Amino acid sequence: MTDPKTQIKKLAVDLGVRPEALRGWIRQAEADAGERDDRLTTDERAELVALRKENAQLKRANDVLRTAPVFPRPW
């Protein structure tokens, strides 16, 4: 049986990519399949990006509301 690093290097050359890029893709596929718990799955990463974006929008809205002048209510 061939060493996995050697197999990855050979396959990377065949695909025309860098071996470390191929290793990253393999690791991500393993995480998505539930075989790794040391990195986020693709879905988890997308959710994190969406939550960070929403958080930034809420922070901006809070800043606007904090700095907005207070108008008296007409009633």
C-alpha atoms as a PDB file:
ATOM      1  CA  MET A   1       0.000   0.000   0.000  1.00  0.00           C
ATOM      2  CA  THR A   2       1.295   3.432  -0.951  1.00  0.00           C
ATOM      3  CA  ASP A   3       1.804   6.239   1.551  1.00  0.00           C
ATOM      4  CA  PRO A   4      -1.234   8.620   1.540  1.00  0.00           C
ATOM      5  CA  LYS A   5       1.042  11.662   1.155  1.00  0.00           C
ATOM      6  CA  THR A   6       2.567  10.134  -1.957  1.00  0.00           C
ATOM      7  CA  GLN A   7      -0.871   9.343  -3.362  1.00  0.00           C
ATOM      8  CA  ILE A   8      -2.059  12.883  -2.721  1.00  0.00           C
ATOM      9  CA  LYS A   9       1.040  14.365  -4.370  1.00  0.00           C
ATOM     10  CA  LYS A  10       0.606  12.141  -7.434  1.00  0.00           C
ATOM     11  CA  LEU A  11      -3.107  12.910  -7.725  1.00  0.00           C
ATOM     12  CA  ALA A  12      -2.456  16.647  -7.255  1.00  0.00           C
ATOM     13  CA  VAL A  13       0.031  16.581 -10.128  1.00  0.00           C
ATOM     14  CA  ASP A  14      -2.499  14.707 -12.280  1.00  0.00           C
ATOM     15  CA  LEU A  15      -5.161  17.310 -11.455  1.00  0.00           C
ATOM     16  CA  GLY A  16      -2.795  20.254 -11.880  1.00  0.00           C
ATOM     17  CA  VAL A  17      -3.264  21.580  -8.338  1.00  0.00           C
ATOM     18  CA  ARG A  18      -0.988  22.023  -5.354  1.00  0.00           C
ATOM     19  CA  PRO A  19      -0.874  19.055  -2.961  1.00  0.00           C
ATOM     20  CA  GLU A  20      -1.834  21.220   0.032  1.00  0.00           C
ATOM     21  CA  ALA A  21      -4.950  22.440  -1.816  1.00  0.00           C
ATOM     22  CA  LEU A  22      -5.974  18.847  -2.498  1.00  0.00           C
ATOM     23  CA  ARG A  23      -5.338  17.929   1.148  1.00  0.00           C
ATOM     24  CA  GLY A  24      -7.591  20.802   2.203  1.00  0.00           C
ATOM     25  CA  TRP A  25     -10.355  19.604  -0.112  1.00  0.00           C
ATOM     26  CA  ILE A  26     -10.019  16.086   1.281  1.00  0.00           C
ATOM     27  CA  ARG A  27     -10.152  17.342   4.869  1.00  0.00           C
ATOM     28  CA  GLN A  28     -13.242  19.431   4.071  1.00  0.00           C
ATOM     29  CA  ALA A  29     -14.958  16.458   2.431  1.00  0.00           C
ATOM     30  CA  GLU A  30     -14.179  14.370   5.518  1.00  0.00           C
ATOM     31  CA  ALA A  31     -15.625  17.088   7.788  1.00  0.00           C
ATOM     32  CA  ASP A  32     -18.762  17.293   5.640  1.00  0.00           C
ATOM     33  CA  ALA A  33     -19.117  13.498   5.877  1.00  0.00           C
ATOM     34  CA  GLY A  34     -18.859  13.645   9.672  1.00  0.00           C
ATOM     35  CA  GLU A  35     -15.476  11.927   9.748  1.00  0.00           C
ATOM     36  CA  ARG A  36     -13.634  14.899  11.278  1.00  0.00           C
ATOM     37  CA  ASP A  37     -14.568  17.101  14.187  1.00  0.00           C
ATOM     38  CA  ASP A  38     -11.575  19.433  14.054  1.00  0.00           C
ATOM     39  CA  ARG A  39     -13.039  21.718  11.389  1.00  0.00           C
ATOM     40  CA  LEU A  40     -16.400  23.189  10.464  1.00  0.00           C
ATOM     41  CA  THR A  41     -18.565  21.566   7.840  1.00  0.00           C
ATOM     42  CA  THR A  42     -19.439  23.564   4.745  1.00  0.00           C
ATOM     43  CA  ASP A  43     -22.961  24.165   6.113  1.00  0.00           C
ATOM     44  CA  GLU A  44     -21.621  25.284   9.496  1.00  0.00           C
ATOM     45  CA  ARG A  45     -19.183  27.661   7.817  1.00  0.00           C
ATOM     46  CA  ALA A  46     -21.988  29.161   5.682  1.00  0.00           C
ATOM     47  CA  GLU A  47     -24.148  29.584   8.793  1.00  0.00           C
ATOM     48  CA  LEU A  48     -21.265  31.273  10.624  1.00  0.00           C
ATOM     49  CA  VAL A  49     -20.750  33.703   7.737  1.00  0.00           C
ATOM     50  CA  ALA A  50     -24.478  34.526   7.689  1.00  0.00           C
ATOM     51  CA  LEU A  51     -24.561  35.040  11.473  1.00  0.00           C
ATOM     52  CA  ARG A  52     -21.512  37.307  11.371  1.00  0.00           C
ATOM     53  CA  LYS A  53     -23.124  39.374   8.613  1.00  0.00           C
ATOM     54  CA  GLU A  54     -26.380  39.635  10.556  1.00  0.00           C
ATOM     55  CA  ASN A  55     -24.452  40.593  13.702  1.00  0.00           C
ATOM     56  CA  ALA A  56     -22.620  43.367  11.844  1.00  0.00           C
ATOM     57  CA  GLN A  57     -25.937  44.698  10.478  1.00  0.00           C
ATOM     58  CA  LEU A  58     -27.479  44.686  13.952  1.00  0.00           C
ATOM     59  CA  LYS A  59     -24.462  46.519  15.380  1.00  0.00           C
ATOM     60  CA  ARG A  60     -24.798  49.192  12.678  1.00  0.00           C
ATOM     61  CA  ALA A  61     -28.522  49.532  13.370  1.00  0.00           C
ATOM     62  CA  ASN A  62     -27.862  49.869  17.108  1.00  0.00           C
ATOM     63  CA  ASP A  63     -25.245  52.546  16.460  1.00  0.00           C
ATOM     64  CA  VAL A  64     -27.726  54.492  14.319  1.00  0.00           C
ATOM     65  CA  LEU A  65     -30.421  54.198  16.961  1.00  0.00           C
ATOM     66  CA  ARG A  66     -28.025  55.256  19.735  1.00  0.00           C
ATOM     67  CA  THR A  67     -26.975  58.390  17.881  1.00  0.00           C
ATOM     68  CA  ALA A  68     -30.413  59.334  16.542  1.00  0.00           C
ATOM     69  CA  PRO A  69     -31.996  62.353  18.215  1.00  0.00           C
ATOM     70  CA  VAL A  70     -34.988  61.633  20.368  1.00  0.00           C
ATOM     71  CA  PHE A  71     -38.169  63.282  19.117  1.00  0.00           C
ATOM     72  CA  PRO A  72     -41.037  63.882  21.483  1.00  0.00           C
ATOM     73  CA  ARG A  73     -44.109  61.839  20.793  1.00  0.00           C
ATOM     74  CA  PRO A  74     -47.095  63.810  19.505  1.00  0.00           C
ATOM     75  CA  TRP A  75     -49.537  62.118  21.868  1.00  0.00           C
END
